[in-house]
């Protein structure tokens, strides 16, 4: 959408209007979680540091071939109708079950770590821990996880092996939980180790490298083909937090990036989503495609008008934002901008990541961050307000669910664990959303 059209639709055209989205995340210090990971993390270290390693999990017997499509039925469980998501009635094809589908849940980037097969990223979950994370959001809830090629690469042979991903998808289906599967990462963390420069967005994603086994586009097509019929998939995200900045120092791209031409970056992003949407839908016409959370005020998305142009791509069904400004509802100006964006492109959006520090169980006396109980109350109020003031808000996810509580420092982190009252809040919110009209 051109700037004039966006302005006519009531979109904010200046970077100063709207919510502070992922700024605290994208500007945070970077640090490596594992010594073997080359690139720095794009999020605060307290968000990703894993608890002590858990025992090796038992692995359900699942296939490793690339040809099969896991799961049935072939009809999509959730479809987009304008700025609303609807659930398809399985007993009456072509009809919808209930009112608009809205969801609450968690991020759990580490779900596909399986050290006996892949190099992993973050903690490994036993089968019981995997079940606990998935069931923590309740039936019809959503978990967003990283489905990068690294998690489907056998660390010994270098070949594609689906054991870890199959395990997660099968477990989600068994719990009646939907997955948002993210297929790559802007800075390469836990992925290919490569920062995505503008040239990558305009075709570089098709380049074949010696490692990983597949080019990015081949990986996207392989993964979406395999799970095209799975009821566990809610949406694919081509890339986490896409932003076509130019990296000027590969030792630390986050601190050494420039955006020399924002219009060219905007065009590159749009072409990327157009192309990836076509590629994904050619393999999987059943599931939604989300944008991965390109940052407002980012390279190519400097204004809401720029974002509207990106989100109007036919390769996107769901817009999203990542928010790390504390447990507080979106400001009225931000709400107005997102409502206008949703109306202009006739698409819903969701909060793909929400994060706020809390005191870990081993450091409850540390008052530099809220207790888990305090954080739960604050986020309960935020969700109630935002679902009320944002008619296009389809969902809300919290970063990040971990299998066990941390047993050492730091005293504050972003994670939620079994027993955290926030998980009860999320399950309650999901139940309310299932019975509430938007």
Protein backbone atom coordinates (compact mmCIF):
# COMPACT_ATOMS: atom_id res chain seq x y z
CA UNK A 1 0.00 0.00 0.00
CA UNK A 2 1.35 3.43 -0.96
CA UNK A 3 1.94 6.01 1.75
CA UNK A 4 -0.96 8.15 0.58
CA UNK A 5 -3.38 5.26 0.70
CA UNK A 6 -2.14 4.30 4.12
CA UNK A 7 -2.58 7.84 5.36
CA UNK A 8 -6.11 7.85 4.03
CA UNK A 9 -6.74 4.67 5.98
CA UNK A 10 -5.66 6.42 9.15
CA UNK A 11 -2.26 4.76 9.58
CA UNK A 12 0.42 6.51 11.56
CA UNK A 13 3.08 7.74 9.15
CA UNK A 14 5.75 8.73 11.62
CA UNK A 15 8.03 6.45 13.58
CA UNK A 16 7.12 8.16 16.82
CA UNK A 17 3.50 7.03 16.70
CA UNK A 18 2.53 3.64 18.00
CA UNK A 19 3.73 1.19 20.60
CA UNK A 20 7.28 0.56 21.58
CA UNK A 21 7.53 -2.89 20.13
CA UNK A 22 10.67 -4.97 20.06
CA UNK A 23 13.10 -2.15 20.77
CA UNK A 24 14.26 -3.50 24.11
CA UNK A 25 14.87 -6.84 22.46
CA UNK A 26 16.64 -5.63 19.35
CA UNK A 27 18.89 -3.21 21.25
CA UNK A 28 19.77 -5.52 24.11
CA UNK A 29 23.31 -6.82 24.70
CA UNK A 30 24.08 -9.94 22.73
CA UNK A 31 25.74 -13.02 24.12
CA UNK A 32 26.18 -16.63 23.12
CA UNK A 33 24.27 -19.35 24.89
CA UNK A 34 26.42 -22.20 23.71
CA UNK A 35 30.10 -22.00 22.95
CA UNK A 36 29.47 -23.77 19.67
CA UNK A 37 27.00 -21.15 18.46
CA UNK A 38 28.85 -18.68 16.25
CA UNK A 39 26.44 -15.73 16.10
CA UNK A 40 25.29 -13.70 19.09
CA UNK A 41 21.71 -14.03 20.25
CA UNK A 42 19.24 -11.39 19.16
CA UNK A 43 17.60 -11.31 22.59
CA UNK A 44 18.75 -10.72 26.17
CA UNK A 45 20.85 -13.58 27.49
CA UNK A 46 18.42 -14.11 30.37
CA UNK A 47 15.75 -15.12 27.85
CA UNK A 48 17.67 -17.99 26.31
CA UNK A 49 20.12 -19.41 28.82
CA UNK A 50 19.04 -22.97 29.44
CA UNK A 51 18.55 -24.60 32.81
CA UNK A 52 20.80 -27.53 33.67
CA UNK A 53 20.57 -30.30 31.13
CA UNK A 54 17.77 -32.71 31.74
CA UNK A 55 18.12 -36.48 31.22
CA UNK A 56 18.02 -37.68 27.66
CA UNK A 57 14.40 -38.13 26.64
CA UNK A 58 12.79 -41.21 25.35
CA UNK A 59 11.89 -40.69 21.72
CA UNK A 60 8.66 -41.93 20.23
CA UNK A 61 9.11 -44.03 17.10
CA UNK A 62 8.63 -41.62 14.23
CA UNK A 63 9.65 -41.58 10.60
CA UNK A 64 12.75 -39.90 9.22
CA UNK A 65 11.92 -39.78 5.53
CA UNK A 66 11.18 -36.60 3.61
CA UNK A 67 8.36 -37.81 1.42
CA UNK A 68 5.44 -38.32 3.77
CA UNK A 69 2.99 -35.70 4.99
CA UNK A 70 2.38 -36.06 8.71
CA UNK A 71 -1.18 -35.86 10.02
CA UNK A 72 -4.73 -35.53 8.81
CA UNK A 73 -7.17 -34.05 7.82
CA UNK A 74 -6.28 -32.17 4.66
CA UNK A 75 -8.69 -29.31 5.35
CA UNK A 76 -7.20 -26.44 7.33
CA UNK A 77 -8.31 -26.24 10.93
CA UNK A 78 -8.12 -22.45 11.00
CA UNK A 79 -8.57 -20.08 8.06
CA UNK A 80 -8.55 -16.34 7.63
CA UNK A 81 -11.68 -14.50 6.60
CA UNK A 82 -10.74 -10.86 6.29
CA UNK A 83 -9.36 -9.60 9.61
CA UNK A 84 -10.76 -12.61 11.49
CA UNK A 85 -9.63 -16.19 12.02
CA UNK A 86 -12.29 -18.88 11.86
CA UNK A 87 -12.27 -22.56 12.76
CA UNK A 88 -13.50 -24.92 10.07
CA UNK A 89 -16.28 -27.23 11.19
CA UNK A 90 -14.87 -30.77 10.64
CA UNK A 91 -18.39 -32.19 10.33
CA UNK A 92 -19.54 -29.63 7.77
CA UNK A 93 -16.81 -28.78 5.25
CA UNK A 94 -17.15 -25.23 4.09
CA UNK A 95 -18.82 -24.14 7.34
CA UNK A 96 -17.34 -22.60 10.46
CA UNK A 97 -17.47 -23.77 14.06
CA UNK A 98 -18.31 -21.04 16.56
CA UNK A 99 -17.23 -17.43 16.47
CA UNK A 100 -13.86 -15.92 15.65
CA UNK A 101 -10.86 -17.97 16.74
CA UNK A 102 -8.54 -16.11 19.12
CA UNK A 103 -5.76 -17.68 21.13
CA UNK A 104 -3.36 -17.35 24.03
CA UNK A 105 -0.20 -19.34 24.62
CA UNK A 106 3.56 -19.34 24.86
CA UNK A 107 6.73 -19.31 22.87
CA UNK A 108 8.97 -22.34 23.43
CA UNK A 109 11.85 -21.93 21.01
CA UNK A 110 13.64 -25.02 22.35
CA UNK A 111 10.96 -27.68 21.72
CA UNK A 112 12.90 -29.36 18.91
CA UNK A 113 16.22 -29.70 20.76
CA UNK A 114 17.13 -33.39 20.76
CA UNK A 115 20.82 -33.87 21.46
CA UNK A 116 20.92 -37.49 20.39
CA UNK A 117 20.01 -36.29 16.90
CA UNK A 118 20.67 -32.55 16.46
CA UNK A 119 22.95 -29.94 18.01
CA UNK A 120 19.91 -28.38 19.68
CA UNK A 121 19.43 -24.90 21.05
CA UNK A 122 18.51 -24.36 24.66
CA UNK A 123 17.33 -27.16 26.96
CA UNK A 124 16.33 -30.60 25.77
CA UNK A 125 12.88 -31.76 26.84
CA UNK A 126 11.99 -35.30 27.83
CA UNK A 127 8.71 -36.61 26.47
CA UNK A 128 7.07 -35.80 29.80
CA UNK A 129 8.46 -32.26 29.76
CA UNK A 130 7.34 -31.77 26.18
CA UNK A 131 3.85 -32.89 27.16
CA UNK A 132 3.91 -30.52 30.14
CA UNK A 133 4.85 -27.48 28.03
CA UNK A 134 2.22 -28.23 25.41
CA UNK A 135 -0.54 -28.98 27.90
CA UNK A 136 0.29 -25.83 29.88
CA UNK A 137 -1.61 -23.67 27.38
CA UNK A 138 -4.75 -25.79 27.44
CA UNK A 139 -6.73 -27.24 24.55
CA UNK A 140 -6.98 -25.02 21.49
CA UNK A 141 -4.05 -22.96 22.74
CA UNK A 142 -0.96 -22.09 20.71
CA UNK A 143 2.78 -22.66 21.10
CA UNK A 144 5.28 -20.92 18.85
CA UNK A 145 8.50 -22.87 18.31
CA UNK A 146 11.60 -22.76 16.15
CA UNK A 147 11.49 -25.21 13.26
CA UNK A 148 14.85 -24.23 11.79
CA UNK A 149 16.73 -26.65 9.55
CA UNK A 150 19.30 -27.16 12.30
CA UNK A 151 16.71 -29.06 14.33
CA UNK A 152 16.08 -31.44 11.42
CA UNK A 153 19.75 -32.04 10.66
CA UNK A 154 21.49 -35.12 12.01
CA UNK A 155 24.58 -33.77 13.73
CA UNK A 156 26.61 -36.86 12.80
CA UNK A 157 25.71 -37.34 9.15
CA UNK A 158 24.70 -33.80 8.20
CA UNK A 159 21.61 -35.23 6.51
CA UNK A 160 17.99 -34.25 7.05
CA UNK A 161 16.36 -36.22 9.86
CA UNK A 162 12.84 -35.42 11.05
CA UNK A 163 12.81 -37.23 14.41
CA UNK A 164 12.77 -34.12 16.62
CA UNK A 165 10.20 -32.19 14.59
CA UNK A 166 7.96 -35.24 14.17
CA UNK A 167 7.99 -35.73 17.93
CA UNK A 168 6.86 -32.14 18.56
CA UNK A 169 4.15 -32.14 15.90
CA UNK A 170 2.75 -35.50 17.05
CA UNK A 171 2.70 -34.39 20.69
CA UNK A 172 0.97 -31.10 19.85
CA UNK A 173 -1.71 -32.92 17.87
CA UNK A 174 -2.25 -35.32 20.76
CA UNK A 175 -2.81 -32.39 23.14
CA UNK A 176 -5.09 -30.46 20.77
CA UNK A 177 -2.53 -27.65 20.66
CA UNK A 178 -1.63 -25.65 17.56
CA UNK A 179 1.90 -24.69 16.57
CA UNK A 180 3.28 -21.59 14.95
CA UNK A 181 6.40 -22.98 13.28
CA UNK A 182 9.19 -20.51 12.56
CA UNK A 183 11.42 -21.69 9.71
CA UNK A 184 14.47 -19.42 9.95
CA UNK A 185 16.11 -16.64 11.93
CA UNK A 186 17.22 -13.17 10.83
CA UNK A 187 20.58 -13.30 12.59
CA UNK A 188 21.17 -17.02 12.07
CA UNK A 189 21.09 -17.92 15.77
CA UNK A 190 20.27 -21.60 16.24
CA UNK A 191 19.92 -21.66 12.46
CA UNK A 192 22.46 -21.24 9.66
CA UNK A 193 24.71 -18.75 11.49
CA UNK A 194 24.19 -16.16 8.76
CA UNK A 195 22.86 -12.60 9.00
CA UNK A 196 20.29 -11.97 6.28
CA UNK A 197 21.49 -8.98 4.26
CA UNK A 198 19.31 -7.24 1.63
CA UNK A 199 20.69 -9.48 -1.14
CA UNK A 200 19.46 -12.54 0.75
CA UNK A 201 15.88 -11.23 0.63
CA UNK A 202 16.03 -10.63 -3.11
CA UNK A 203 17.03 -14.17 -4.03
CA UNK A 204 19.99 -15.15 -1.91
CA UNK A 205 17.74 -17.44 0.08
CA UNK A 206 17.87 -19.84 -2.85
CA UNK A 207 21.66 -20.25 -2.75
CA UNK A 208 22.88 -23.75 -1.98
CA UNK A 209 25.59 -24.05 0.66
CA UNK A 210 27.69 -27.00 1.82
CA UNK A 211 26.10 -26.59 5.25
CA UNK A 212 23.26 -26.82 6.07
CA UNK A 213 22.12 -29.63 3.84
CA UNK A 214 19.44 -27.62 2.02
CA UNK A 215 19.16 -24.07 0.82
CA UNK A 216 16.71 -21.99 2.82
CA UNK A 217 13.98 -22.17 0.16
CA UNK A 218 14.44 -25.94 -0.21
CA UNK A 219 14.15 -26.29 3.57
CA UNK A 220 10.94 -24.25 3.64
CA UNK A 221 9.41 -26.40 0.93
CA UNK A 222 10.52 -29.66 2.57
CA UNK A 223 9.11 -28.72 6.00
CA UNK A 224 5.83 -27.32 4.74
CA UNK A 225 5.32 -30.34 2.50
CA UNK A 226 5.89 -32.76 5.35
CA UNK A 227 3.37 -31.18 7.70
CA UNK A 228 0.88 -29.88 5.16
CA UNK A 229 -1.87 -32.17 6.43
CA UNK A 230 -1.13 -31.88 10.15
CA UNK A 231 -3.91 -30.43 12.32
CA UNK A 232 -1.20 -29.30 14.76
CA UNK A 233 0.10 -26.53 12.50
CA UNK A 234 -1.63 -23.18 12.86
CA UNK A 235 0.80 -21.10 10.83
CA UNK A 236 4.22 -20.99 9.24
CA UNK A 237 6.58 -18.08 9.83
CA UNK A 238 9.20 -17.85 7.08
CA UNK A 239 11.64 -15.94 9.30
CA UNK A 240 11.90 -14.68 12.86
CA UNK A 241 12.10 -10.86 13.09
CA UNK A 242 13.03 -10.15 9.48
CA UNK A 243 14.86 -6.87 8.88
CA UNK A 244 17.09 -6.49 5.81
CA UNK A 245 19.78 -4.36 7.42
CA UNK A 246 23.28 -4.54 5.97
CA UNK A 247 25.75 -6.08 8.41
CA UNK A 248 29.09 -4.25 8.37
CA UNK A 249 30.94 -6.45 10.86
CA UNK A 250 30.01 -10.12 10.98
CA UNK A 251 31.49 -10.54 14.47
CA UNK A 252 28.51 -8.58 15.82
CA UNK A 253 25.88 -7.69 13.25
CA UNK A 254 23.43 -6.33 15.81
CA UNK A 255 25.88 -3.61 16.81
CA UNK A 256 27.15 -3.08 13.27
CA UNK A 257 24.20 -2.78 10.92
CA UNK A 258 23.01 -0.01 8.65
CA UNK A 259 19.97 0.61 6.49
CA UNK A 260 21.29 2.65 3.58
CA UNK A 261 18.07 2.57 1.54
CA UNK A 262 14.83 2.02 3.43
CA UNK A 263 12.71 2.00 0.27
CA UNK A 264 14.88 -0.70 -1.27
CA UNK A 265 14.66 -2.65 1.99
CA UNK A 266 10.88 -2.30 1.99
CA UNK A 267 10.72 -3.55 -1.58
CA UNK A 268 13.00 -6.48 -0.75
CA UNK A 269 10.82 -7.50 2.18
CA UNK A 270 7.67 -7.35 0.10
CA UNK A 271 9.18 -9.41 -2.69
CA UNK A 272 10.42 -11.94 -0.15
CA UNK A 273 6.97 -12.42 1.35
CA UNK A 274 5.37 -12.60 -2.10
CA UNK A 275 7.83 -15.30 -3.18
CA UNK A 276 7.77 -17.28 0.06
CA UNK A 277 4.00 -17.20 0.18
CA UNK A 278 3.86 -18.70 -3.28
CA UNK A 279 6.45 -21.34 -2.38
CA UNK A 280 4.71 -22.34 0.87
CA UNK A 281 1.22 -22.44 -0.62
CA UNK A 282 2.45 -24.62 -3.48
CA UNK A 283 3.41 -27.24 -0.87
CA UNK A 284 0.85 -26.51 1.84
CA UNK A 285 -2.39 -24.78 0.87
CA UNK A 286 -3.95 -25.67 4.23
CA UNK A 287 -2.20 -23.50 6.79
CA UNK A 288 -1.78 -19.81 7.51
CA UNK A 289 1.39 -17.79 6.98
CA UNK A 290 2.52 -15.25 9.59
CA UNK A 291 5.07 -12.51 9.11
CA UNK A 292 7.51 -13.39 11.93
CA UNK A 293 7.34 -9.96 13.55
CA UNK A 294 9.24 -7.44 11.41
CA UNK A 295 9.91 -4.56 13.82
CA UNK A 296 8.10 -1.28 13.54
CA UNK A 297 10.77 1.39 12.96
CA UNK A 298 13.00 -1.29 11.45
CA UNK A 299 14.83 -1.38 8.14
CA UNK A 300 12.15 -1.34 5.45
CA UNK A 301 9.41 -0.91 8.06
CA UNK A 302 10.20 2.58 9.32
CA UNK A 303 6.55 3.59 9.55
CA UNK A 304 3.17 1.92 9.79
CA UNK A 305 2.63 2.91 6.16
CA UNK A 306 5.70 0.86 5.24
CA UNK A 307 4.40 -1.99 7.34
CA UNK A 308 1.01 -1.81 5.63
CA UNK A 309 2.72 -2.19 2.25
CA UNK A 310 4.55 -5.29 3.53
CA UNK A 311 1.50 -6.81 5.22
CA UNK A 312 -0.63 -6.41 2.11
CA UNK A 313 1.46 -9.13 0.48
CA UNK A 314 -0.65 -12.13 -0.58
CA UNK A 315 2.05 -14.22 1.10
CA UNK A 316 0.98 -13.04 4.58
CA UNK A 317 -2.18 -13.98 6.49
CA UNK A 318 -1.19 -12.77 9.95
CA UNK A 319 0.76 -9.70 10.98
CA UNK A 320 2.52 -9.71 14.34
CA UNK A 321 4.56 -7.70 16.79
CA UNK A 322 7.08 -8.55 19.52
CA UNK A 323 6.76 -6.50 22.69
CA UNK A 324 9.27 -6.15 25.53
CA UNK A 325 8.23 -2.93 27.22
CA UNK A 326 6.93 -4.55 30.39
CA UNK A 327 3.56 -5.93 31.34
CA UNK A 328 1.41 -3.03 30.26
CA UNK A 329 -1.40 -2.65 27.77
CA UNK A 330 -0.72 -1.05 24.42
CA UNK A 331 -0.91 2.73 24.47
CA UNK A 332 -3.98 4.28 22.76
CA UNK A 333 -1.85 5.66 19.92
CA UNK A 334 -0.36 2.24 19.28
CA UNK A 335 -3.76 0.59 19.44
CA UNK A 336 -5.11 3.07 16.91
CA UNK A 337 -2.20 2.36 14.55
CA UNK A 338 -2.60 -1.42 14.74
CA UNK A 339 -6.37 -1.21 14.35
CA UNK A 340 -5.92 0.98 11.28
CA UNK A 341 -3.33 -1.37 9.84
CA UNK A 342 -5.59 -4.38 10.33
CA UNK A 343 -8.52 -2.58 8.71
CA UNK A 344 -6.42 -1.34 5.79
CA UNK A 345 -5.00 -4.75 4.84
CA UNK A 346 -8.04 -6.76 6.07
CA UNK A 347 -5.87 -9.11 8.12
CA UNK A 348 -5.63 -9.97 11.80
CA UNK A 349 -2.47 -9.64 13.86
CA UNK A 350 -1.09 -11.20 17.02
CA UNK A 351 1.47 -10.56 19.75
CA UNK A 352 4.07 -13.15 18.77
CA UNK A 353 6.31 -12.47 21.75
CA UNK A 354 5.67 -10.70 25.03
CA UNK A 355 8.38 -10.57 27.64
CA UNK A 356 9.01 -9.15 31.08
CA UNK A 357 11.53 -10.14 33.71
CA UNK A 358 10.47 -11.90 36.88
CA UNK A 359 12.30 -13.14 39.96
CA UNK A 360 13.40 -16.76 39.58
CA UNK A 361 12.41 -19.23 42.33
CA UNK A 362 15.96 -19.23 43.72
CA UNK A 363 16.01 -15.46 44.16
CA UNK A 364 12.60 -14.42 45.40
CA UNK A 365 14.15 -11.86 47.70
CA UNK A 366 15.57 -9.95 44.76
CA UNK A 367 13.16 -7.07 44.20
CA UNK A 368 14.88 -5.74 41.08
CA UNK A 369 12.13 -7.47 39.08
CA UNK A 370 8.57 -8.57 39.88
CA UNK A 371 7.61 -11.84 41.47
CA UNK A 372 5.95 -14.41 39.22
CA UNK A 373 2.65 -13.76 40.97
CA UNK A 374 2.95 -10.01 40.35
CA UNK A 375 3.85 -10.56 36.72
CA UNK A 376 0.85 -12.86 36.26
CA UNK A 377 -1.55 -10.23 37.61
CA UNK A 378 -0.04 -7.54 35.37
CA UNK A 379 -0.23 -9.67 32.22
CA UNK A 380 -3.79 -10.72 33.02
CA UNK A 381 -4.74 -7.05 33.00
CA UNK A 382 -2.77 -6.43 29.80
CA UNK A 383 -4.47 -9.24 27.90
CA UNK A 384 -7.92 -8.19 29.07
CA UNK A 385 -7.29 -4.62 27.93
CA UNK A 386 -5.63 -5.43 24.62
CA UNK A 387 -8.12 -8.07 23.50
CA UNK A 388 -10.80 -5.51 24.28
CA UNK A 389 -9.26 -2.51 22.50
CA UNK A 390 -7.82 -4.38 19.50
CA UNK A 391 -10.58 -6.10 17.48
CA UNK A 392 -7.99 -7.42 15.02
CA UNK A 393 -5.86 -9.00 17.76
CA UNK A 394 -6.03 -12.73 17.08
CA UNK A 395 -3.63 -13.98 19.72
CA UNK A 396 -1.13 -13.30 22.50
CA UNK A 397 1.99 -15.37 23.25
CA UNK A 398 4.47 -15.15 26.14
CA UNK A 399 8.22 -15.59 25.76
CA UNK A 400 9.31 -18.20 26.84
CA UNK A 401 8.17 -21.51 28.36
CA UNK A 402 10.93 -23.64 29.88
CA UNK A 403 10.66 -27.22 31.15
CA UNK A 404 12.13 -26.58 34.61
CA UNK A 405 12.90 -23.65 36.88
CA UNK A 406 16.40 -22.23 36.82
CA UNK A 407 18.57 -23.54 39.63
CA UNK A 408 21.20 -20.80 39.58
CA UNK A 409 21.76 -17.15 38.73
CA UNK A 410 20.72 -14.80 37.21
CA UNK A 411 18.06 -13.82 39.68
CA UNK A 412 15.73 -12.42 37.02
CA UNK A 413 14.75 -13.93 33.70
CA UNK A 414 11.99 -13.97 31.09
CA UNK A 415 10.99 -17.59 31.39
CA UNK A 416 7.86 -19.25 32.68
CA UNK A 417 8.03 -22.69 34.28
CA UNK A 418 5.62 -25.32 35.56
CA UNK A 419 3.90 -23.88 38.60
CA UNK A 420 4.11 -20.27 37.41
CA UNK A 421 0.71 -18.59 38.00
CA UNK A 422 1.10 -16.93 34.59
CA UNK A 423 0.37 -20.29 32.97
CA UNK A 424 -2.92 -20.44 34.84
CA UNK A 425 -3.70 -16.94 33.57
CA UNK A 426 -2.96 -18.02 30.00
CA UNK A 427 -5.16 -21.13 30.23
CA UNK A 428 -7.98 -19.06 31.71
CA UNK A 429 -7.62 -16.46 28.98
CA UNK A 430 -7.68 -19.16 26.31
CA UNK A 431 -10.91 -20.55 27.78
CA UNK A 432 -12.45 -17.06 27.80
CA UNK A 433 -11.40 -16.43 24.20
CA UNK A 434 -13.08 -19.64 23.12
CA UNK A 435 -16.41 -18.34 24.38
CA UNK A 436 -16.08 -14.60 23.76
CA UNK A 437 -17.04 -12.75 20.62
CA UNK A 438 -14.43 -10.28 19.44
